[in-house]
N, C-alpha and C. Protein backbone atom coordinates (compact mmCIF):
# COMPACT_ATOMS: atom_id res chain seq x y z
N UNK A 1 1.08 -1.05 0.21
CA UNK A 1 -0.18 0.20 -0.04
C UNK A 1 0.88 1.15 0.03
N UNK A 2 0.51 2.12 -0.60
CA UNK A 2 1.69 3.20 -1.15
C UNK A 2 1.13 4.25 -0.42
N UNK A 3 1.51 5.40 0.41
CA UNK A 3 1.33 6.28 0.93
C UNK A 3 2.28 6.38 1.81
N UNK A 4 1.77 7.42 3.28
CA UNK A 4 2.62 7.88 3.99
C UNK A 4 1.81 7.78 5.67
N UNK A 5 2.67 7.94 6.30
CA UNK A 5 2.13 7.78 7.97
C UNK A 5 2.81 8.70 9.15
N UNK A 6 2.19 9.51 9.75
CA UNK A 6 3.04 10.22 10.59
C UNK A 6 2.72 9.98 11.96
N UNK A 7 3.28 9.24 12.83
CA UNK A 7 3.14 8.92 14.24
C UNK A 7 4.07 10.37 14.49
N UNK A 8 3.18 10.87 15.80
CA UNK A 8 3.23 11.61 16.73
C UNK A 8 3.56 11.13 18.46
N UNK A 9 5.09 11.81 18.68
CA UNK A 9 5.15 11.40 20.12
C UNK A 9 4.62 12.10 21.23
N UNK A 10 3.65 11.86 21.93
CA UNK A 10 2.48 12.39 22.63
C UNK A 10 3.41 13.04 23.42
N UNK A 11 4.71 12.28 24.12
CA UNK A 11 5.33 12.74 24.97
C UNK A 11 5.76 13.85 24.94
N UNK A 12 6.71 13.78 23.58
CA UNK A 12 7.09 15.25 23.38
C UNK A 12 6.47 16.32 22.98
N UNK A 13 5.31 16.03 22.39
CA UNK A 13 4.44 16.90 22.26
C UNK A 13 4.02 17.80 23.84
N UNK A 14 4.37 16.61 24.41
CA UNK A 14 3.17 17.36 25.83
C UNK A 14 4.53 18.24 26.30
N UNK A 15 5.63 17.88 26.24
CA UNK A 15 7.14 18.31 26.65
C UNK A 15 7.35 19.34 26.23
N UNK A 16 6.87 19.89 24.63
CA UNK A 16 7.04 21.35 24.01
C UNK A 16 6.18 22.61 24.42
N UNK A 17 5.14 21.56 24.47
CA UNK A 17 3.94 22.58 25.22
C UNK A 17 4.48 23.09 26.57
N UNK A 18 4.66 22.06 27.89
CA UNK A 18 5.77 22.61 29.21
C UNK A 18 6.08 23.66 29.03
N UNK A 19 7.29 23.38 27.95
CA UNK A 19 8.41 24.28 28.04
C UNK A 19 7.57 25.47 28.01
N UNK A 20 6.87 25.36 26.59
CA UNK A 20 6.12 26.77 26.65
C UNK A 20 5.39 27.29 27.52
N UNK A 21 4.78 26.81 28.25
CA UNK A 21 3.70 27.87 29.32
C UNK A 21 4.65 27.97 29.88
N UNK A 22 5.32 27.67 31.10
CA UNK A 22 7.26 27.47 31.44
C UNK A 22 7.57 29.20 30.79
N UNK A 23 8.10 28.52 30.15
CA UNK A 23 8.22 30.05 29.23
C UNK A 23 7.77 31.36 29.36
N UNK A 24 6.29 31.18 29.07
CA UNK A 24 5.32 32.32 28.65
C UNK A 24 4.56 32.97 30.13
N UNK A 25 5.52 32.17 31.43
CA UNK A 25 4.94 32.90 32.46
C UNK A 25 5.82 33.71 32.91
N UNK A 26 7.03 34.18 32.26
CA UNK A 26 8.26 35.20 32.45
C UNK A 26 8.66 35.61 31.40
N UNK A 27 7.99 36.43 30.95
CA UNK A 27 8.49 36.59 29.60
C UNK A 27 9.29 37.95 29.17
N UNK A 28 9.87 38.29 30.83
CA UNK A 28 10.86 39.79 30.65
C UNK A 28 11.48 40.18 29.76
N UNK A 29 12.64 39.12 29.51
CA UNK A 29 13.46 39.48 28.37
C UNK A 29 12.82 39.86 27.41
N UNK A 30 12.13 39.05 26.69
CA UNK A 30 10.86 39.62 25.57
C UNK A 30 10.30 41.08 25.80
N UNK A 31 10.19 41.20 26.75
CA UNK A 31 9.36 42.24 27.20
C UNK A 31 10.79 43.07 27.20
N UNK A 32 11.57 43.00 27.73
CA UNK A 32 12.92 43.95 27.26
C UNK A 32 13.53 44.60 25.95
N UNK A 33 13.06 43.27 24.79
CA UNK A 33 13.97 43.56 23.71
C UNK A 33 12.46 45.17 23.38
N UNK A 34 11.01 44.38 23.35
CA UNK A 34 10.55 45.13 23.19
C UNK A 34 10.40 46.37 23.59
N UNK A 35 10.53 46.75 24.81
CA UNK A 35 10.92 47.84 25.52
C UNK A 35 12.24 48.92 24.61
N UNK A 36 12.96 48.19 24.21
CA UNK A 36 14.05 48.79 23.64
C UNK A 36 13.92 48.52 22.17
N UNK A 37 13.04 48.16 21.33
CA UNK A 37 12.23 48.96 20.30
C UNK A 37 12.08 49.92 20.40
N UNK A 38 10.61 49.87 21.01
CA UNK A 38 9.84 51.32 21.39
C UNK A 38 10.36 52.42 21.29
N UNK A 39 11.38 52.11 22.54
CA UNK A 39 12.61 53.52 22.40
C UNK A 39 13.01 53.93 21.31
N UNK A 40 13.62 52.92 20.50
CA UNK A 40 14.24 53.43 18.95
C UNK A 40 13.34 53.94 18.38
N UNK A 41 12.14 53.33 18.29
CA UNK A 41 10.78 53.58 17.11
C UNK A 41 10.16 55.21 17.80
N UNK A 42 9.97 55.09 19.25
CA UNK A 42 10.01 56.58 19.25
C UNK A 42 10.65 57.64 19.36
N UNK A 43 12.06 57.28 19.65
CA UNK A 43 13.45 58.37 19.68
C UNK A 43 13.70 59.05 17.94
N UNK A 44 13.46 58.17 17.07
CA UNK A 44 13.77 57.59 15.67
C UNK A 44 12.30 57.92 14.69
N UNK A 45 11.60 57.68 14.78
CA UNK A 45 10.32 57.12 13.90
C UNK A 45 9.30 58.61 14.49
N UNK A 46 9.51 58.92 15.28
CA UNK A 46 8.19 60.28 16.41
C UNK A 46 9.54 61.41 15.88
N UNK A 47 10.25 61.41 17.00
CA UNK A 47 10.59 62.44 17.29
C UNK A 47 11.65 63.10 15.99
N UNK A 48 12.30 62.08 15.18
CA UNK A 48 13.03 62.75 13.88
C UNK A 48 12.32 63.01 12.93
N UNK A 49 11.37 61.89 12.33
CA UNK A 49 10.32 62.40 11.44
C UNK A 49 9.21 63.39 11.90
N UNK A 50 9.11 63.51 13.73
CA UNK A 50 8.03 64.55 13.57
C UNK A 50 6.76 63.88 13.08
N UNK A 51 6.10 62.84 13.97
CA UNK A 51 5.44 62.47 12.96
C UNK A 51 5.05 61.35 14.51
N UNK A 52 3.29 60.99 14.74
CA UNK A 52 2.83 60.48 15.59
C UNK A 52 3.22 58.56 14.94
N UNK A 53 2.48 57.74 15.85
CA UNK A 53 2.49 56.77 15.42
C UNK A 53 2.09 56.51 14.55
N UNK A 54 0.79 56.79 14.10
CA UNK A 54 0.44 55.95 12.67
C UNK A 54 0.59 57.11 11.35
N UNK A 55 1.81 57.60 11.54
CA UNK A 55 2.50 58.02 10.55
C UNK A 55 2.17 59.37 10.33
N UNK A 56 1.18 60.38 10.99
CA UNK A 56 0.76 61.66 10.53
C UNK A 56 1.76 62.65 11.33
N UNK A 57 1.94 63.51 10.33
CA UNK A 57 2.90 64.86 10.75
C UNK A 57 2.08 65.34 11.82
N UNK A 58 3.20 65.83 12.72
CA UNK A 58 2.56 66.57 14.06
C UNK A 58 2.19 68.32 13.41
N UNK A 59 1.07 68.92 14.41
CA UNK A 59 0.98 69.96 14.00
C UNK A 59 2.22 70.88 13.63
N UNK A 60 2.51 71.67 12.64
CA UNK A 60 3.50 72.66 12.55
C UNK A 60 3.88 73.98 13.89
N UNK A 61 4.90 74.35 14.42
CA UNK A 61 4.93 75.18 15.67
C UNK A 61 3.80 76.53 15.01
N UNK A 62 3.65 77.39 16.03
CA UNK A 62 2.92 78.72 15.67
C UNK A 62 3.72 79.24 14.95
N UNK A 63 3.47 80.24 15.10
CA UNK A 63 5.14 81.56 14.41
C UNK A 63 5.26 82.23 15.81
N UNK A 64 4.04 82.15 16.08
CA UNK A 64 4.65 82.99 17.91
C UNK A 64 6.22 81.82 18.72
N UNK A 65 5.44 80.85 18.44
CA UNK A 65 6.76 80.00 18.54
C UNK A 65 7.69 79.53 18.70
N UNK A 66 7.33 79.78 17.25
CA UNK A 66 9.06 80.13 15.87
C UNK A 66 9.72 80.89 17.15
N UNK A 67 9.41 82.08 17.20
CA UNK A 67 10.11 82.94 17.32
C UNK A 67 10.90 82.96 18.83
N UNK A 68 10.64 82.50 19.21
CA UNK A 68 11.28 81.86 21.46
C UNK A 68 12.24 80.53 20.52
N UNK A 69 11.91 80.10 19.89
CA UNK A 69 12.88 78.96 19.95
C UNK A 69 14.69 78.66 19.21
N UNK A 70 15.34 78.09 19.64
CA UNK A 70 16.64 77.76 19.08
C UNK A 70 16.39 77.13 17.74
N UNK A 71 15.39 75.47 17.63
CA UNK A 71 15.75 75.24 17.11
C UNK A 71 14.33 75.27 16.01
N UNK A 72 13.88 74.37 14.80
CA UNK A 72 13.03 75.03 14.39
C UNK A 72 12.41 73.18 14.70
N UNK A 73 13.11 72.30 15.11
CA UNK A 73 12.21 70.98 15.29
C UNK A 73 11.36 70.54 16.63
N UNK A 74 10.21 70.28 16.29
CA UNK A 74 8.79 69.97 17.30
C UNK A 74 9.09 69.47 18.51
N UNK A 75 8.94 69.47 19.86
CA UNK A 75 9.11 68.71 20.61
C UNK A 75 10.87 68.55 20.95
N UNK A 76 11.41 68.73 20.52
CA UNK A 76 12.70 68.48 20.82
C UNK A 76 14.09 69.90 20.84
N UNK A 77 13.56 70.80 21.66
CA UNK A 77 14.67 71.92 21.71
C UNK A 77 15.74 71.63 22.67
N UNK A 78 15.64 70.91 23.89
CA UNK A 78 16.56 70.54 24.47
C UNK A 78 17.66 69.08 24.48
N UNK A 79 15.95 67.96 24.01
CA UNK A 79 16.06 66.99 23.67
C UNK A 79 15.68 65.99 25.03
N UNK A 80 15.26 67.14 25.99
CA UNK A 80 15.22 65.97 27.26
C UNK A 80 14.03 65.44 27.22
N UNK A 81 12.39 65.56 26.52
CA UNK A 81 11.66 65.00 26.72
C UNK A 81 12.17 63.89 26.02
N UNK A 82 12.16 63.86 24.99
CA UNK A 82 13.28 62.19 23.83
C UNK A 82 13.97 61.66 24.33
N UNK A 83 14.79 62.17 25.21
CA UNK A 83 15.81 61.49 26.23
C UNK A 83 15.57 60.82 27.42
N UNK A 84 13.97 60.97 27.85
CA UNK A 84 13.53 60.80 28.68
C UNK A 84 12.60 59.67 28.51
N UNK A 85 12.44 58.97 27.15
CA UNK A 85 11.64 58.15 27.38
C UNK A 85 12.01 56.49 27.89
N UNK A 86 11.56 56.13 28.65
CA UNK A 86 12.34 55.18 29.00
C UNK A 86 10.97 53.84 28.79
N UNK A 87 11.68 52.69 30.09
CA UNK A 87 10.43 51.32 29.75
C UNK A 87 11.08 50.46 30.68
N UNK A 88 10.14 49.84 31.34
CA UNK A 88 10.08 49.05 32.53
C UNK A 88 9.58 47.63 32.21
N UNK A 89 10.32 46.73 32.11
CA UNK A 89 9.58 45.36 31.80
C UNK A 89 9.51 44.40 32.86
N UNK A 90 8.12 43.43 32.63
CA UNK A 90 8.24 42.71 33.75
C UNK A 90 7.52 41.13 33.22
N UNK A 91 6.80 40.56 33.63
CA UNK A 91 7.03 39.42 33.24
C UNK A 91 5.73 39.12 32.27
N UNK A 92 4.79 40.17 32.25
CA UNK A 92 4.18 39.91 31.10
C UNK A 92 3.71 41.26 31.07
N UNK A 93 4.53 42.37 31.26
CA UNK A 93 4.15 43.73 30.20
C UNK A 93 5.16 44.93 30.35
N UNK A 94 5.26 45.47 29.40
CA UNK A 94 6.53 46.36 29.69
C UNK A 94 5.50 47.81 29.19
N UNK A 95 6.20 48.84 30.21
CA UNK A 95 5.23 50.23 30.13
C UNK A 95 6.83 51.14 29.66
N UNK A 96 6.14 51.34 28.19
CA UNK A 96 6.85 52.91 28.22
C UNK A 96 6.45 54.21 28.51
N UNK A 97 7.29 54.94 28.63
CA UNK A 97 6.95 56.54 29.25
C UNK A 97 8.16 57.40 29.76
N UNK A 98 7.26 58.29 30.26
CA UNK A 98 8.69 59.24 30.34
C UNK A 98 7.97 60.34 31.82
N UNK A 99 9.15 60.72 32.92
CA UNK A 99 8.45 61.12 34.05
C UNK A 99 8.52 63.00 34.04
N UNK A 100 9.17 63.03 32.37
CA UNK A 100 8.57 64.54 32.52
C UNK A 100 7.61 65.37 32.23
N UNK A 101 7.45 65.92 33.31
CA UNK A 101 6.18 66.96 33.82
C UNK A 101 5.20 67.48 32.90
N UNK A 102 6.06 68.04 31.59
CA UNK A 102 5.48 68.28 30.36
C UNK A 102 5.02 67.65 29.21
N UNK A 103 5.51 65.99 29.59
CA UNK A 103 5.16 65.40 28.67
C UNK A 103 3.68 65.43 28.71
N UNK A 104 2.56 64.99 29.12
CA UNK A 104 1.63 64.55 28.35
C UNK A 104 0.55 65.85 28.04
N UNK A 105 0.89 67.34 28.48
CA UNK A 105 0.49 67.96 27.15
C UNK A 105 0.97 68.07 25.90
N UNK A 106 2.08 67.62 25.74
CA UNK A 106 2.67 67.79 24.35
C UNK A 106 1.98 66.18 23.81
N UNK A 107 1.84 64.89 24.37
CA UNK A 107 1.07 63.94 24.08
C UNK A 107 0.08 64.03 23.90
N UNK A 108 -0.80 64.57 24.43
CA UNK A 108 -2.54 64.69 24.86
C UNK A 108 -2.77 66.17 24.28
N UNK A 109 -2.79 67.27 24.26
CA UNK A 109 -2.80 68.35 23.66
C UNK A 109 -3.65 68.80 24.68
N UNK A 110 -3.68 70.10 24.50
CA UNK A 110 -4.75 71.24 25.86
C UNK A 110 -4.43 72.33 26.01
N UNK A 111 -4.61 73.01 27.30
CA UNK A 111 -4.42 74.26 27.53
C UNK A 111 -3.50 74.39 28.44
N UNK A 112 -2.49 75.46 28.15
CA UNK A 112 -1.42 75.48 29.03
C UNK A 112 -0.76 77.01 29.19
N UNK A 113 0.46 77.05 30.22
CA UNK A 113 0.70 78.32 29.86
C UNK A 113 0.08 79.33 31.18
N UNK A 114 0.63 80.20 31.37
CA UNK A 114 -0.11 81.26 32.58
C UNK A 114 -1.40 81.53 32.13
N UNK A 115 -2.10 81.13 33.05
CA UNK A 115 -3.63 81.38 33.42
C UNK A 115 -4.65 80.05 31.65
N UNK A 116 -3.55 79.20 31.04
CA UNK A 116 -4.37 78.34 30.46
C UNK A 116 -4.54 78.77 29.38
N UNK A 117 -3.83 79.98 29.34
CA UNK A 117 -4.43 80.96 27.44
C UNK A 117 -4.17 79.74 26.52
N UNK A 118 -2.51 79.37 26.46
CA UNK A 118 -2.09 79.01 25.29
C UNK A 118 -2.55 77.56 25.45
N UNK A 119 -3.10 77.03 23.47
CA UNK A 119 -3.69 76.10 23.08
C UNK A 119 -2.46 75.05 22.68
N UNK A 120 -2.39 73.89 23.40
CA UNK A 120 -0.97 73.26 22.49
C UNK A 120 -1.91 72.05 21.97
N UNK A 121 -2.04 71.80 20.75
CA UNK A 121 -2.07 70.91 20.07
C UNK A 121 -1.54 68.92 20.25
N UNK A 122 -1.75 68.42 20.03
CA UNK A 122 -1.56 67.00 20.74
C UNK A 122 -0.48 66.31 19.85
N UNK A 123 0.74 65.98 19.78
CA UNK A 123 1.72 65.70 18.81
C UNK A 123 1.91 64.63 19.59
N UNK A 124 1.31 63.66 19.28
CA UNK A 124 1.25 61.61 19.71
C UNK A 124 2.99 61.38 19.44
N UNK A 125 3.78 61.10 20.44
CA UNK A 125 4.78 60.77 20.18
C UNK A 125 4.69 58.70 20.69
N UNK A 126 4.02 58.70 21.88
CA UNK A 126 4.31 57.46 22.49
C UNK A 126 3.30 56.82 21.71
N UNK A 127 3.32 55.39 21.42
CA UNK A 127 2.08 54.90 20.80
C UNK A 127 3.11 53.35 20.37
N UNK A 128 2.13 52.91 19.35
CA UNK A 128 2.53 51.47 18.74
C UNK A 128 2.11 51.65 17.64
N UNK A 129 3.10 51.82 16.39
CA UNK A 129 2.54 52.30 15.23
C UNK A 129 2.67 50.52 14.47
N UNK A 130 1.78 50.55 13.17
CA UNK A 130 1.47 48.97 12.86
C UNK A 130 2.99 48.28 12.37
N UNK A 131 3.79 48.58 12.51
CA UNK A 131 5.36 48.38 12.31
C UNK A 131 5.88 47.85 13.27
N UNK A 132 5.21 48.85 14.89
CA UNK A 132 5.73 48.08 16.00
C UNK A 132 5.64 47.16 16.16
N UNK A 133 3.74 46.70 15.85
CA UNK A 133 2.78 45.68 16.20
C UNK A 133 3.61 44.48 15.87
N UNK A 134 4.04 44.33 14.34
CA UNK A 134 4.94 43.53 13.42
C UNK A 134 5.93 43.13 14.33
N UNK A 135 6.81 44.05 14.91
CA UNK A 135 8.24 43.90 15.28
C UNK A 135 7.95 42.93 17.03
N UNK A 136 6.62 43.63 17.52
CA UNK A 136 6.57 43.06 18.70
C UNK A 136 6.03 41.31 18.45
N UNK A 137 5.27 41.41 17.44
CA UNK A 137 4.82 39.95 17.23
C UNK A 137 6.13 39.12 17.14
N UNK A 138 6.57 39.24 16.39
CA UNK A 138 8.38 38.65 15.51
C UNK A 138 8.86 38.69 17.13
N UNK A 139 9.60 39.46 17.91
CA UNK A 139 10.19 39.17 18.44
C UNK A 139 9.50 37.95 19.72
N UNK A 140 8.29 38.05 20.17
CA UNK A 140 7.75 37.07 20.99
C UNK A 140 7.88 36.02 20.14
N UNK A 141 7.67 35.60 19.24
CA UNK A 141 7.39 34.50 18.49
C UNK A 141 9.06 33.75 18.34
N UNK A 142 10.05 34.83 18.01
CA UNK A 142 11.33 34.42 18.18
C UNK A 142 11.73 33.90 19.83
N UNK A 143 11.48 34.59 20.57
CA UNK A 143 11.50 34.15 22.18
C UNK A 143 11.32 32.78 22.64
N UNK A 144 9.76 32.63 21.91
CA UNK A 144 9.53 31.61 22.20
C UNK A 144 9.84 30.23 21.24
N UNK A 145 10.29 30.64 20.33
CA UNK A 145 10.41 29.53 19.36
C UNK A 145 12.53 29.38 20.31
N UNK A 146 12.73 30.05 20.55
CA UNK A 146 14.31 29.20 21.19
C UNK A 146 14.03 28.94 22.25
N UNK A 147 12.85 29.33 22.73
CA UNK A 147 12.35 28.19 24.52
C UNK A 147 12.03 26.63 24.09
N UNK A 148 11.95 26.40 23.19
CA UNK A 148 11.46 24.81 22.31
C UNK A 148 12.52 24.09 21.50
N UNK A 149 13.55 24.98 21.24
CA UNK A 149 14.82 24.78 19.90
C UNK A 149 15.64 23.49 20.95
């Protein structure tokens, strides 16, 4: 009789699943890699390109603001905000953000300044782009694949 027969060793399959489950209990190394990736894309694809995570160009600076700035780049007068982006990785999450006090007004937009008379447009720099999502998936897949090799 012609054909092909596949035989699965249940003990081997069980061992692979057990390894995957154990590895998934603590994804800290993968979360660190994701954090590093998101810092890099935030600092380059957002601040350098002056675009939000969806690729939309940030609102240009108002002429009145340009008069007081040394540089024409948006959100990068001193590089303090850009350089403050950091991550905290744990077993099942990574948090990316900043502790700079004025970060939220630039991310979300709103009223600012004396008497809250200035309107700051939202210029999102934190977030996950479609390309980031692809890379995050690859990092997790690679991490889990290494565990069962």
